[in-house]
Protein backbone atom coordinates (compact mmCIF):
# COMPACT_ATOMS: atom_id res chain seq x y z
CA MET A 1 -124.40 47.21 128.96
CA ASP A 2 -124.36 43.74 130.42
CA ILE A 3 -125.57 41.01 128.10
CA ASP A 4 -127.10 38.53 130.52
CA PHE A 5 -129.77 39.89 132.88
CA GLY A 6 -130.61 36.48 134.29
CA THR A 7 -133.87 36.20 132.38
CA GLU A 8 -134.69 34.66 129.03
CA ASN A 9 -137.15 37.43 128.12
CA ILE A 10 -134.71 40.34 128.20
CA SER A 11 -131.08 40.50 127.16
CA GLY A 12 -128.60 43.31 126.81
CA ILE A 13 -128.52 42.60 123.08
CA SER A 14 -132.27 43.14 122.65
CA ILE A 15 -132.12 46.33 124.73
CA ALA A 16 -129.13 47.60 122.72
CA LYS A 17 -131.08 47.09 119.49
CA LYS A 18 -133.97 49.15 120.87
CA ILE A 19 -131.65 51.90 122.10
CA SER A 20 -129.90 52.08 118.72
CA ALA A 21 -133.26 52.29 116.93
CA VAL A 22 -134.24 55.27 119.05
CA ASN A 23 -130.83 56.97 119.02
CA PRO A 24 -128.27 55.58 116.58
CA MET A 25 -125.61 57.91 118.01
CA THR A 26 -125.57 56.00 121.32
CA GLN A 27 -122.27 54.29 121.98
CA ILE A 28 -122.73 50.91 123.59
CA ILE A 29 -120.00 49.00 125.39
CA PHE A 30 -120.93 45.42 126.20
CA ILE A 31 -119.56 43.87 129.37
CA SER A 32 -119.98 40.17 129.99
CA GLN A 33 -118.23 37.22 131.54
CA TYR A 34 -119.75 34.92 128.93
CA LEU A 35 -117.56 34.80 125.83
CA GLU A 36 -120.20 32.77 123.99
CA PHE A 37 -122.14 36.06 123.58
CA ALA A 38 -119.23 37.80 121.84
CA SER A 39 -120.49 36.87 118.37
CA ASP A 40 -124.09 37.86 119.21
CA VAL A 41 -123.13 41.48 119.90
CA TYR A 42 -122.39 41.93 116.18
CA GLU A 43 -126.17 41.92 115.61
CA THR A 44 -126.13 45.36 117.27
CA SER A 45 -124.47 48.69 116.75
CA HIS A 46 -121.89 48.70 119.52
CA LEU A 47 -118.46 50.14 120.19
CA TYR A 48 -116.67 47.56 122.32
CA PHE A 49 -116.99 44.16 124.01
CA VAL A 50 -115.22 43.78 127.37
CA ASN A 51 -114.80 40.49 129.17
CA LYS A 52 -115.57 40.99 132.89
CA LYS A 53 -112.46 39.01 133.82
CA LYS A 54 -110.34 41.66 132.08
CA LEU A 55 -112.49 44.65 133.04
CA LEU A 56 -109.68 46.68 134.63
CA GLU A 57 -107.51 46.23 131.54
CA TYR A 58 -110.06 46.84 128.77
CA LEU A 59 -112.69 49.19 130.22
CA PRO A 60 -110.33 52.20 130.11
CA LYS A 61 -109.55 51.37 126.46
CA ALA A 62 -113.27 51.13 125.67
CA LEU A 63 -114.01 54.45 127.37
CA THR A 64 -111.13 56.11 125.52
CA ALA A 65 -112.50 54.78 122.23
CA ALA A 66 -115.97 56.11 123.13
CA HIS A 67 -114.54 59.52 123.98
CA GLU A 68 -112.57 59.67 120.70
CA LYS A 69 -115.60 58.65 118.66
CA TYR A 70 -117.72 61.24 120.44
CA ALA A 71 -115.14 63.95 119.78
CA LEU A 72 -114.98 63.02 116.08
CA ARG A 73 -118.73 63.14 115.66
CA GLY A 74 -119.06 66.43 117.49
CA GLU A 75 -122.18 68.47 117.01
CA GLN A 76 -121.95 69.87 113.50
CA TYR A 77 -124.72 71.96 112.07
CA LEU A 78 -126.06 72.60 108.62
CA TYR A 79 -126.96 76.23 108.07
CA PHE A 80 -129.32 77.17 105.25
CA GLN A 81 -131.98 79.64 104.28
CA SER A 82 -135.54 78.97 103.21
CA SER A 83 -138.40 81.42 102.66
CA TYR A 84 -136.36 84.28 104.11
CA LYS A 85 -135.74 82.33 107.33
CA GLU A 86 -132.37 81.02 108.44
CA TYR A 87 -132.16 77.49 109.87
CA GLN A 88 -129.61 75.61 111.89
CA VAL A 89 -130.11 71.82 111.90
CA SER A 90 -127.84 69.30 113.57
CA GLN A 91 -126.27 67.11 110.88
CA ASN A 92 -126.78 64.11 113.15
CA ASP A 93 -130.55 64.71 112.91
CA VAL A 94 -130.56 64.71 109.10
CA LEU A 95 -131.76 61.38 107.69
CA TYR A 96 -131.41 62.17 104.00
CA LEU A 97 -131.55 64.95 101.42
CA GLU A 98 -133.73 64.94 98.32
CA HIS A 99 -133.54 67.34 95.38
CA ILE A 100 -136.96 68.13 93.87
CA ALA A 101 -137.70 70.88 91.35
CA ARG A 102 -134.87 73.31 92.19
CA GLN A 103 -135.29 72.74 95.92
CA THR A 104 -133.47 70.40 98.25
CA CYS A 105 -135.60 68.84 100.96
CA ILE A 106 -133.75 68.10 104.19
CA HIS A 107 -135.48 65.21 105.96
CA THR A 108 -135.18 64.72 109.72
CA ALA A 109 -137.20 62.41 111.94
CA THR A 110 -139.56 65.23 112.89
CA HIS A 111 -139.48 67.78 110.08
CA VAL A 112 -138.83 68.31 106.38
CA TYR A 113 -137.06 71.56 105.52
CA SER A 114 -136.85 73.03 102.04
CA ALA A 115 -133.70 74.88 100.94
CA ASN A 116 -133.24 76.88 97.76
CA GLU A 117 -129.84 75.29 97.12
CA LYS A 118 -128.46 72.52 94.98
CA LEU A 119 -128.00 69.15 96.63
CA GLN A 120 -124.26 69.18 95.91
CA ASP A 121 -123.82 72.63 97.48
CA LEU A 122 -125.37 71.40 100.73
CA LEU A 123 -123.32 68.18 100.63
CA ASN A 124 -120.12 70.20 100.26
CA ARG A 125 -120.84 71.81 103.65
CA MET A 126 -121.75 68.57 105.40
CA GLY A 127 -119.67 65.95 107.20
CA SER A 128 -118.18 62.79 105.73
CA GLN A 129 -121.09 60.70 107.04
CA PHE A 130 -123.17 61.94 104.08
CA CYS A 131 -122.99 60.14 100.77
CA SER A 132 -124.61 60.88 97.42
CA CYS A 133 -126.40 57.68 96.41
CA HIS A 134 -128.36 59.08 93.47
CA LYS A 135 -128.30 62.33 91.47
CA SER A 136 -131.26 63.51 93.54
CA PHE A 137 -130.55 61.86 96.92
CA ALA A 138 -127.90 61.79 99.63
CA VAL A 139 -128.06 59.81 102.88
CA ASN A 140 -126.63 60.05 106.36
CA LEU A 141 -124.60 56.83 106.59
CA TYR A 142 -125.19 56.70 110.36
CA GLN A 143 -128.90 56.21 109.60
CA VAL A 144 -128.53 53.31 107.13
CA ARG A 145 -130.02 49.97 108.13
CA THR A 146 -129.51 48.04 104.87
CA LEU A 147 -128.04 48.60 101.43
CA HIS A 148 -129.41 46.88 98.34
CA HIS A 149 -128.44 47.33 94.69
CA THR A 150 -131.40 49.62 94.06
CA CYS A 151 -132.16 51.22 97.42
CA ILE A 152 -131.03 52.06 100.92
CA THR A 153 -133.35 51.39 103.84
CA LEU A 154 -132.90 53.80 106.72
CA ARG A 155 -133.37 52.98 110.40
CA ASN A 156 -136.82 54.59 110.35
CA GLY A 157 -137.91 52.31 107.46
CA VAL A 158 -137.75 54.91 104.67
CA SER A 159 -136.27 53.68 101.38
CA VAL A 160 -134.02 55.92 99.32
CA PRO A 161 -133.03 55.00 95.74
CA VAL A 162 -129.47 54.08 94.76
CA SER A 163 -128.44 54.58 91.15
CA ARG A 164 -126.48 51.88 89.35
CA SER A 165 -123.59 54.23 88.71
CA ARG A 166 -123.27 55.26 92.39
CA TYR A 167 -123.85 51.86 93.99
CA PRO A 168 -120.13 50.82 93.95
CA HIS A 169 -119.13 54.05 95.72
CA VAL A 170 -121.92 53.76 98.31
CA ARG A 171 -121.03 50.12 98.97
CA ASP A 172 -117.37 50.98 99.54
CA VAL A 173 -118.00 53.91 101.87
């Protein structure tokens, strides 16, 4: 993504923010000849900043980093059963989990599934991007927009509580 499009109305940074809001898994590599924008890219979720003058040297490194990050994330699925049906949900699609009355609700952007399992049992089968922030909640760290002492705000605007006892762990993850 270039940063400067030659117009004041649109920049690569504003477009990157919109892309990340729609798909937080997108890996963005900024390319620019203007080093004064280097600090501005930290307002976005990006992987690399490459100076155009050193494109041949750093673009291969940026692409290698993108490939490695992609391989690490891989498509992992959560398998569970609910109402005699078996489900397979991509862990990347899971926003958060919530335990309510002997059921764990699995929240995605488009659907809420209900599993007859304990929250901790589901977490034990999920990737390291999931963190228990409360005795009844766990969040996908890739979906977190902000962390406060009492709650986590996800990219879609949903707030999830953070208990006092788990806040230090969540903050350090």
